[in-house]
Amino acid sequence: MSSERHYRAQSAIDLQQHTLTVGETDLALLLPPGLWNDAVAAGLRVYLIERRRSLQALIMAFPEFAASHQPVAVPADAPPLARSMAEAAQLAGVGPMAAVAGCFAELAGRYLLRQTASHEVIVENGGDIFVMSRRQRVVGVFCGEDSPFHQRLAVRLAPGQMPCGVCTSSGTVGPSFSYGKADAALIIAGSAVLADAAATAAGNMVQSKEDVQMACDRAMTIPGVRAALIVCQDRLAAAGEIELVSI
């Protein structure tokens, strides 16, 4: 378990954490005690394998979907997850694969909501989160160990904001590609698919700490974005339906 994943999980002590890896999809799954079992795990694994195969088949036939850093149109018969990624990418002005982690977090989360009939489900996929809860939840903002905000900053979600996606892009932390230099570009949206694409777009705008307000303001113009938080070095900017808390 990465330090980022462990740090985020601390804010949901009433839930039990489980993990599931399917290819590059490495999930942390938080559910109420007693709801995770072999049947649920096996069903989710098969479900995700099928979705990954459908996406891989599209990419084989349409390589631009994976290669482009700009929005692309997808065929009318593209699988639903590819269409949702392409639609989010179009809104945010990025390539479809900028939404892939958020997409699989949401797919897994909504599968668990259906299969367990629980109202408490949190799924994290590489720092991109789908969250549904009837309780307030606190999501840690991981800015990197060199940031003055390291392990000090979090976002509190109210029940009325969920389900939602909380996704973060960084140009200084982690392996994901970014054109920018933000320590964290966090977006809250109604879907994790859109939040992931918008976080990538916002992060790409930040070349120095002087850009945090501009990136935050522009992120808020993306249709469907509810809140934005941009961190670079010792500066941050936030806007929208967001409550920052110290931890």
C-alpha atoms as a PDB file:
ATOM      1  CA  MET A   1       0.000   0.000   0.000  1.00  0.00           C
ATOM      2  CA  SER A   2       1.352   3.391  -0.944  1.00  0.00           C
ATOM      3  CA  SER A   3       1.676   6.150   1.629  1.00  0.00           C
ATOM      4  CA  GLU A   4      -0.929   8.122  -0.317  1.00  0.00           C
ATOM      5  CA  ARG A   5      -3.492   5.333  -0.169  1.00  0.00           C
ATOM      6  CA  HIS A   6      -2.878   4.665   3.532  1.00  0.00           C
ATOM      7  CA  TYR A   7      -3.184   8.364   4.288  1.00  0.00           C
ATOM      8  CA  ARG A   8      -6.508   8.704   2.486  1.00  0.00           C
ATOM      9  CA  ALA A   9      -7.951   5.590   4.108  1.00  0.00           C
ATOM     10  CA  GLN A  10      -7.498   6.986   7.602  1.00  0.00           C
ATOM     11  CA  SER A  11     -10.512   9.277   7.130  1.00  0.00           C
ATOM     12  CA  ALA A  12     -12.976   6.346   6.887  1.00  0.00           C
ATOM     13  CA  ILE A  13     -12.386   4.386  10.086  1.00  0.00           C
ATOM     14  CA  ASP A  14     -15.957   3.037  10.097  1.00  0.00           C
ATOM     15  CA  LEU A  15     -15.273   1.206   6.831  1.00  0.00           C
ATOM     16  CA  GLN A  16     -13.109  -1.802   6.088  1.00  0.00           C
ATOM     17  CA  GLN A  17     -10.501  -1.528   3.361  1.00  0.00           C
ATOM     18  CA  HIS A  18      -9.934  -4.178   0.723  1.00  0.00           C
ATOM     19  CA  THR A  19      -7.798  -4.237  -2.407  1.00  0.00           C
ATOM     20  CA  LEU A  20      -8.301  -5.590  -5.902  1.00  0.00           C
ATOM     21  CA  THR A  21      -5.891  -5.465  -8.832  1.00  0.00           C
ATOM     22  CA  VAL A  22      -6.948  -6.101 -12.416  1.00  0.00           C
ATOM     23  CA  GLY A  23      -4.167  -5.292 -14.866  1.00  0.00           C
ATOM     24  CA  GLU A  24      -3.122  -1.681 -14.311  1.00  0.00           C
ATOM     25  CA  THR A  25      -6.272  -1.048 -12.266  1.00  0.00           C
ATOM     26  CA  ASP A  26      -5.187  -1.143  -8.609  1.00  0.00           C
ATOM     27  CA  LEU A  27      -8.138  -0.407  -6.359  1.00  0.00           C
ATOM     28  CA  ALA A  28      -8.576   0.369  -2.683  1.00  0.00           C
ATOM     29  CA  LEU A  29     -12.178  -0.443  -1.775  1.00  0.00           C
ATOM     30  CA  LEU A  30     -13.824   0.788   1.423  1.00  0.00           C
ATOM     31  CA  LEU A  31     -17.095  -0.796   2.542  1.00  0.00           C
ATOM     32  CA  PRO A  32     -19.013  -1.348   5.778  1.00  0.00           C
ATOM     33  CA  PRO A  33     -17.907  -4.469   7.666  1.00  0.00           C
ATOM     34  CA  GLY A  34     -19.315  -7.751   6.407  1.00  0.00           C
ATOM     35  CA  LEU A  35     -20.143  -6.708   2.849  1.00  0.00           C
ATOM     36  CA  TRP A  36     -16.937  -7.836   1.127  1.00  0.00           C
ATOM     37  CA  ASN A  37     -16.729 -11.541   0.419  1.00  0.00           C
ATOM     38  CA  ASP A  38     -15.352 -13.935  -2.185  1.00  0.00           C
ATOM     39  CA  ALA A  39     -18.458 -13.736  -4.356  1.00  0.00           C
ATOM     40  CA  VAL A  40     -18.449  -9.925  -4.460  1.00  0.00           C
ATOM     41  CA  ALA A  41     -14.714  -9.866  -5.150  1.00  0.00           C
ATOM     42  CA  ALA A  42     -14.989 -12.446  -7.937  1.00  0.00           C
ATOM     43  CA  GLY A  43     -17.941 -10.668  -9.509  1.00  0.00           C
ATOM     44  CA  LEU A  44     -16.178  -7.312  -9.460  1.00  0.00           C
ATOM     45  CA  ARG A  45     -13.039  -8.840 -10.952  1.00  0.00           C
ATOM     46  CA  VAL A  46     -14.970 -10.362 -13.855  1.00  0.00           C
ATOM     47  CA  TYR A  47     -16.878  -7.115 -14.375  1.00  0.00           C
ATOM     48  CA  LEU A  48     -13.670  -5.067 -14.568  1.00  0.00           C
ATOM     49  CA  ILE A  49     -11.916  -7.600 -16.806  1.00  0.00           C
ATOM     50  CA  GLU A  50     -14.807  -7.387 -19.263  1.00  0.00           C
ATOM     51  CA  ARG A  51     -14.696  -3.569 -19.250  1.00  0.00           C
ATOM     52  CA  ARG A  52     -10.929  -3.532 -19.703  1.00  0.00           C
ATOM     53  CA  ARG A  53     -11.223  -5.918 -22.649  1.00  0.00           C
ATOM     54  CA  SER A  54     -13.836  -3.744 -24.311  1.00  0.00           C
ATOM     55  CA  LEU A  55     -11.585  -0.711 -23.905  1.00  0.00           C
ATOM     56  CA  GLN A  56      -8.540  -2.579 -25.197  1.00  0.00           C
ATOM     57  CA  ALA A  57     -10.501  -3.751 -28.236  1.00  0.00           C
ATOM     58  CA  LEU A  58     -11.482  -0.166 -29.015  1.00  0.00           C
ATOM     59  CA  ILE A  59      -7.873   0.979 -28.688  1.00  0.00           C
ATOM     60  CA  MET A  60      -6.697  -1.790 -31.024  1.00  0.00           C
ATOM     61  CA  ALA A  61      -9.171  -0.593 -33.646  1.00  0.00           C
ATOM     62  CA  PHE A  62      -8.765   3.105 -32.857  1.00  0.00           C
ATOM     63  CA  PRO A  63      -5.229   3.766 -31.495  1.00  0.00           C
ATOM     64  CA  GLU A  64      -5.783   7.524 -31.430  1.00  0.00           C
ATOM     65  CA  PHE A  65      -8.067   7.036 -28.427  1.00  0.00           C
ATOM     66  CA  ALA A  66      -5.061   6.066 -26.313  1.00  0.00           C
ATOM     67  CA  ALA A  67      -2.423   8.233 -27.989  1.00  0.00           C
ATOM     68  CA  SER A  68      -4.141  11.602 -28.235  1.00  0.00           C
ATOM     69  CA  HIS A  69      -3.697  14.323 -25.639  1.00  0.00           C
ATOM     70  CA  GLN A  70      -6.595  16.188 -27.234  1.00  0.00           C
ATOM     71  CA  PRO A  71     -10.297  15.269 -27.378  1.00  0.00           C
ATOM     72  CA  VAL A  72     -11.237  12.728 -30.039  1.00  0.00           C
ATOM     73  CA  ALA A  73     -14.559  11.549 -31.414  1.00  0.00           C
ATOM     74  CA  VAL A  74     -15.318   7.879 -30.874  1.00  0.00           C
ATOM     75  CA  PRO A  75     -17.319   5.552 -33.130  1.00  0.00           C
ATOM     76  CA  ALA A  76     -21.049   5.326 -32.495  1.00  0.00           C
ATOM     77  CA  ASP A  77     -20.660   1.698 -31.443  1.00  0.00           C
ATOM     78  CA  ALA A  78     -17.895   2.414 -28.905  1.00  0.00           C
ATOM     79  CA  PRO A  79     -18.453   0.799 -25.495  1.00  0.00           C
ATOM     80  CA  PRO A  80     -20.175   2.983 -22.882  1.00  0.00           C
ATOM     81  CA  LEU A  81     -17.036   3.514 -20.783  1.00  0.00           C
ATOM     82  CA  ALA A  82     -15.150   4.794 -23.839  1.00  0.00           C
ATOM     83  CA  ARG A  83     -17.986   7.156 -24.685  1.00  0.00           C
ATOM     84  CA  SER A  84     -18.047   8.507 -21.132  1.00  0.00           C
ATOM     85  CA  MET A  85     -14.279   9.034 -21.203  1.00  0.00           C
ATOM     86  CA  ALA A  86     -14.474  10.780 -24.581  1.00  0.00           C
ATOM     87  CA  GLU A  87     -17.325  13.022 -23.418  1.00  0.00           C
ATOM     88  CA  ALA A  88     -15.449  14.048 -20.267  1.00  0.00           C
ATOM     89  CA  ALA A  89     -12.287  14.652 -22.279  1.00  0.00           C
ATOM     90  CA  GLN A  90     -14.217  16.856 -24.700  1.00  0.00           C
ATOM     91  CA  LEU A  91     -15.535  18.997 -21.844  1.00  0.00           C
ATOM     92  CA  ALA A  92     -12.085  19.325 -20.262  1.00  0.00           C
ATOM     93  CA  GLY A  93     -10.064  19.675 -23.469  1.00  0.00           C
ATOM     94  CA  VAL A  94      -7.775  16.690 -22.872  1.00  0.00           C
ATOM     95  CA  GLY A  95      -7.250  13.216 -24.305  1.00  0.00           C
ATOM     96  CA  PRO A  96      -9.683  10.431 -23.351  1.00  0.00           C
ATOM     97  CA  MET A  97      -7.123   8.423 -21.386  1.00  0.00           C
ATOM     98  CA  ALA A  98      -6.889  11.332 -18.935  1.00  0.00           C
ATOM     99  CA  ALA A  99     -10.165   9.979 -17.555  1.00  0.00           C
ATOM    100  CA  VAL A 100      -9.331   6.269 -17.407  1.00  0.00           C
ATOM    101  CA  ALA A 101      -8.457   5.975 -13.698  1.00  0.00           C
ATOM    102  CA  GLY A 102     -11.529   7.906 -12.627  1.00  0.00           C
ATOM    103  CA  CYS A 103     -13.652   5.852 -14.995  1.00  0.00           C
ATOM    104  CA  PHE A 104     -12.614   2.547 -13.441  1.00  0.00           C
ATOM    105  CA  ALA A 105     -12.990   3.948  -9.923  1.00  0.00           C
ATOM    106  CA  GLU A 106     -16.566   4.905 -10.774  1.00  0.00           C
ATOM    107  CA  LEU A 107     -17.320   1.612 -12.522  1.00  0.00           C
ATOM    108  CA  ALA A 108     -16.130  -0.311  -9.466  1.00  0.00           C
ATOM    109  CA  GLY A 109     -17.956   1.968  -7.044  1.00  0.00           C
ATOM    110  CA  ARG A 110     -21.290   1.771  -8.817  1.00  0.00           C
ATOM    111  CA  TYR A 111     -20.935  -2.005  -9.185  1.00  0.00           C
ATOM    112  CA  LEU A 112     -20.463  -2.292  -5.423  1.00  0.00           C
ATOM    113  CA  LEU A 113     -23.440  -0.025  -4.748  1.00  0.00           C
ATOM    114  CA  ARG A 114     -25.605  -2.335  -6.848  1.00  0.00           C
ATOM    115  CA  GLN A 115     -24.259  -5.620  -5.536  1.00  0.00           C
ATOM    116  CA  THR A 116     -24.096  -4.787  -1.828  1.00  0.00           C
ATOM    117  CA  ALA A 117     -27.079  -2.397  -1.572  1.00  0.00           C
ATOM    118  CA  SER A 118     -24.867  -0.266   0.659  1.00  0.00           C
ATOM    119  CA  HIS A 119     -24.964   3.510   0.767  1.00  0.00           C
ATOM    120  CA  GLU A 120     -21.338   3.629   1.950  1.00  0.00           C
ATOM    121  CA  VAL A 121     -18.810   2.898  -0.804  1.00  0.00           C
ATOM    122  CA  ILE A 122     -15.450   4.534  -1.470  1.00  0.00           C
ATOM    123  CA  VAL A 123     -13.173   3.393  -4.288  1.00  0.00           C
ATOM    124  CA  GLU A 124      -9.724   4.793  -4.954  1.00  0.00           C
ATOM    125  CA  ASN A 125      -7.755   4.102  -8.105  1.00  0.00           C
ATOM    126  CA  GLY A 126      -4.320   5.714  -8.041  1.00  0.00           C
ATOM    127  CA  GLY A 127      -5.501   8.792  -6.157  1.00  0.00           C
ATOM    128  CA  ASP A 128      -8.747   9.160  -8.108  1.00  0.00           C
ATOM    129  CA  ILE A 129     -11.799   8.519  -5.958  1.00  0.00           C
ATOM    130  CA  PHE A 130     -15.460   7.639  -6.343  1.00  0.00           C
ATOM    131  CA  VAL A 131     -17.295   8.227  -3.086  1.00  0.00           C
ATOM    132  CA  MET A 132     -20.851   7.591  -1.972  1.00  0.00           C
ATOM    133  CA  SER A 133     -21.843   8.118   1.640  1.00  0.00           C
ATOM    134  CA  ARG A 134     -24.645   9.340   3.863  1.00  0.00           C
ATOM    135  CA  ARG A 135     -22.035  10.617   6.295  1.00  0.00           C
ATOM    136  CA  GLN A 136     -19.563  13.419   5.851  1.00  0.00           C
ATOM    137  CA  ARG A 137     -16.217  12.191   4.576  1.00  0.00           C
ATOM    138  CA  VAL A 138     -12.755  13.722   4.686  1.00  0.00           C
ATOM    139  CA  VAL A 139     -10.402  13.182   1.755  1.00  0.00           C
ATOM    140  CA  GLY A 140      -6.729  13.920   2.242  1.00  0.00           C
ATOM    141  CA  VAL A 141      -4.947  16.042  -0.351  1.00  0.00           C
ATOM    142  CA  PHE A 142      -1.628  14.431  -1.250  1.00  0.00           C
ATOM    143  CA  CYS A 143       0.793  17.111  -2.457  1.00  0.00           C
ATOM    144  CA  GLY A 144       4.070  15.229  -2.095  1.00  0.00           C
ATOM    145  CA  GLU A 145       6.451  14.974   0.818  1.00  0.00           C
ATOM    146  CA  ASP A 146       8.293  18.166  -0.138  1.00  0.00           C
ATOM    147  CA  SER A 147       5.148  20.293  -0.046  1.00  0.00           C
ATOM    148  CA  PRO A 148       4.500  22.575   2.955  1.00  0.00           C
ATOM    149  CA  PHE A 149       0.949  21.162   2.845  1.00  0.00           C
ATOM    150  CA  HIS A 150       2.106  17.532   3.161  1.00  0.00           C
ATOM    151  CA  GLN A 151      -0.253  15.637   5.506  1.00  0.00           C
ATOM    152  CA  ARG A 152      -1.830  18.926   6.574  1.00  0.00           C
ATOM    153  CA  LEU A 153      -4.636  19.530   4.089  1.00  0.00           C
ATOM    154  CA  ALA A 154      -7.917  17.733   3.401  1.00  0.00           C
ATOM    155  CA  VAL A 155     -11.327  18.280   1.836  1.00  0.00           C
ATOM    156  CA  ARG A 156     -14.537  17.610   3.763  1.00  0.00           C
ATOM    157  CA  LEU A 157     -17.468  16.264   1.742  1.00  0.00           C
ATOM    158  CA  ALA A 158     -21.045  16.704   2.944  1.00  0.00           C
ATOM    159  CA  PRO A 159     -23.602  13.934   2.329  1.00  0.00           C
ATOM    160  CA  GLY A 160     -25.460  16.140  -0.131  1.00  0.00           C
ATOM    161  CA  GLN A 161     -22.392  16.298  -2.383  1.00  0.00           C
ATOM    162  CA  MET A 162     -22.297  12.548  -2.916  1.00  0.00           C
ATOM    163  CA  PRO A 163     -22.055  10.447  -4.983  1.00  0.00           C
ATOM    164  CA  CYS A 164     -19.185  12.307  -6.551  1.00  0.00           C
ATOM    165  CA  GLY A 165     -15.700  11.978  -7.934  1.00  0.00           C
ATOM    166  CA  VAL A 166     -12.670  13.510  -6.225  1.00  0.00           C
ATOM    167  CA  CYS A 167      -9.666  13.279  -8.525  1.00  0.00           C
ATOM    168  CA  THR A 168      -6.161  14.698  -8.362  1.00  0.00           C
ATOM    169  CA  SER A 169      -3.509  15.340 -10.991  1.00  0.00           C
ATOM    170  CA  SER A 170       0.108  16.214 -10.217  1.00  0.00           C
ATOM    171  CA  GLY A 171       3.113  17.240 -12.237  1.00  0.00           C
ATOM    172  CA  THR A 172       5.499  16.572  -9.344  1.00  0.00           C
ATOM    173  CA  VAL A 173       4.119  13.426  -7.664  1.00  0.00           C
ATOM    174  CA  GLY A 174       3.452   9.996  -9.136  1.00  0.00           C
ATOM    175  CA  PRO A 175       3.878   8.432 -12.577  1.00  0.00           C
ATOM    176  CA  SER A 176       0.946  10.011 -14.444  1.00  0.00           C
ATOM    177  CA  PHE A 177       1.769  12.365 -17.316  1.00  0.00           C
ATOM    178  CA  SER A 178       1.156  16.081 -16.885  1.00  0.00           C
ATOM    179  CA  TYR A 179       2.168  19.110 -18.919  1.00  0.00           C
ATOM    180  CA  GLY A 180       2.123  21.183 -15.734  1.00  0.00           C
ATOM    181  CA  LYS A 181       3.956  21.548 -12.452  1.00  0.00           C
ATOM    182  CA  ALA A 182       1.137  21.537  -9.918  1.00  0.00           C
ATOM    183  CA  ASP A 183       1.783  19.592  -6.733  1.00  0.00           C
ATOM    184  CA  ALA A 184      -1.941  18.840  -6.705  1.00  0.00           C
ATOM    185  CA  ALA A 185      -4.825  19.809  -8.944  1.00  0.00           C
ATOM    186  CA  LEU A 186      -7.928  18.412  -7.249  1.00  0.00           C
ATOM    187  CA  ILE A 187     -11.371  18.469  -8.809  1.00  0.00           C
ATOM    188  CA  ILE A 188     -14.764  17.537  -7.380  1.00  0.00           C
ATOM    189  CA  ALA A 189     -17.447  16.652  -9.922  1.00  0.00           C
ATOM    190  CA  GLY A 190     -20.601  14.606 -10.126  1.00  0.00           C
ATOM    191  CA  SER A 191     -18.667  11.791 -11.767  1.00  0.00           C
ATOM    192  CA  ALA A 192     -15.137  10.539 -11.228  1.00  0.00           C
ATOM    193  CA  VAL A 193     -14.754  10.331 -15.014  1.00  0.00           C
ATOM    194  CA  LEU A 194     -15.205  14.081 -15.420  1.00  0.00           C
ATOM    195  CA  ALA A 195     -13.257  14.874 -12.251  1.00  0.00           C
ATOM    196  CA  ASP A 196     -10.262  12.924 -13.578  1.00  0.00           C
ATOM    197  CA  ALA A 197     -10.278  14.631 -16.975  1.00  0.00           C
ATOM    198  CA  ALA A 198     -10.767  18.077 -15.426  1.00  0.00           C
ATOM    199  CA  ALA A 199      -7.983  17.504 -12.888  1.00  0.00           C
ATOM    200  CA  THR A 200      -5.607  16.714 -15.745  1.00  0.00           C
ATOM    201  CA  ALA A 201      -6.675  19.860 -17.578  1.00  0.00           C
ATOM    202  CA  ALA A 202      -6.248  22.032 -14.484  1.00  0.00           C
ATOM    203  CA  GLY A 203      -2.861  20.553 -13.659  1.00  0.00           C
ATOM    204  CA  ASN A 204      -1.644  21.171 -17.206  1.00  0.00           C
ATOM    205  CA  MET A 205      -2.229  24.916 -16.769  1.00  0.00           C
ATOM    206  CA  VAL A 206       0.171  25.331 -13.843  1.00  0.00           C
ATOM    207  CA  GLN A 207       3.746  26.185 -14.791  1.00  0.00           C
ATOM    208  CA  SER A 208       4.557  28.076 -11.585  1.00  0.00           C
ATOM    209  CA  LYS A 209       2.912  28.992  -8.310  1.00  0.00           C
ATOM    210  CA  GLU A 210       1.749  32.222  -9.920  1.00  0.00           C
ATOM    211  CA  ASP A 211      -0.699  30.168 -11.999  1.00  0.00           C
ATOM    212  CA  VAL A 212      -2.754  28.575  -9.217  1.00  0.00           C
ATOM    213  CA  GLN A 213      -5.600  31.107  -9.223  1.00  0.00           C
ATOM    214  CA  MET A 214      -5.809  31.160 -13.012  1.00  0.00           C
ATOM    215  CA  ALA A 215      -5.917  27.362 -13.180  1.00  0.00           C
ATOM    216  CA  CYS A 216      -8.553  27.227 -10.462  1.00  0.00           C
ATOM    217  CA  ASP A 217     -10.733  29.808 -12.202  1.00  0.00           C
ATOM    218  CA  ARG A 218     -10.462  28.067 -15.563  1.00  0.00           C
ATOM    219  CA  ALA A 219     -11.215  24.667 -14.044  1.00  0.00           C
ATOM    220  CA  MET A 220     -14.470  26.068 -12.688  1.00  0.00           C
ATOM    221  CA  THR A 221     -15.575  26.939 -16.238  1.00  0.00           C
ATOM    222  CA  ILE A 222     -15.577  23.244 -17.247  1.00  0.00           C
ATOM    223  CA  PRO A 223     -19.231  22.130 -17.314  1.00  0.00           C
ATOM    224  CA  GLY A 224     -19.967  19.762 -14.449  1.00  0.00           C
ATOM    225  CA  VAL A 225     -17.057  20.781 -12.219  1.00  0.00           C
ATOM    226  CA  ARG A 226     -18.298  21.590  -8.724  1.00  0.00           C
ATOM    227  CA  ALA A 227     -15.049  22.568  -7.025  1.00  0.00           C
ATOM    228  CA  ALA A 228     -11.341  22.975  -7.665  1.00  0.00           C
ATOM    229  CA  LEU A 229      -8.227  23.119  -5.502  1.00  0.00           C
ATOM    230  CA  ILE A 230      -4.824  23.893  -6.995  1.00  0.00           C
ATOM    231  CA  VAL A 231      -1.573  23.595  -5.011  1.00  0.00           C
ATOM    232  CA  CYS A 232       1.888  24.567  -6.226  1.00  0.00           C
ATOM    233  CA  GLN A 233       4.798  25.039  -3.825  1.00  0.00           C
ATOM    234  CA  ASP A 234       3.575  27.347  -1.029  1.00  0.00           C
ATOM    235  CA  ARG A 235       0.504  28.630  -2.873  1.00  0.00           C
ATOM    236  CA  LEU A 236      -3.019  27.299  -3.190  1.00  0.00           C
ATOM    237  CA  ALA A 237      -6.304  28.441  -4.644  1.00  0.00           C
ATOM    238  CA  ALA A 238      -9.761  26.956  -4.160  1.00  0.00           C
ATOM    239  CA  ALA A 239     -13.209  27.636  -5.570  1.00  0.00           C
ATOM    240  CA  GLY A 240     -16.677  26.137  -5.668  1.00  0.00           C
ATOM    241  CA  GLU A 241     -18.417  23.729  -3.289  1.00  0.00           C
ATOM    242  CA  ILE A 242     -15.333  22.869  -1.263  1.00  0.00           C
ATOM    243  CA  GLU A 243     -14.507  22.913   2.440  1.00  0.00           C
ATOM    244  CA  LEU A 244     -10.814  22.727   3.313  1.00  0.00           C
ATOM    245  CA  VAL A 245      -9.830  21.320   6.686  1.00  0.00           C
ATOM    246  CA  SER A 246      -6.543  20.933   8.521  1.00  0.00           C
ATOM    247  CA  ILE A 247      -5.448  17.487   9.612  1.00  0.00           C
END
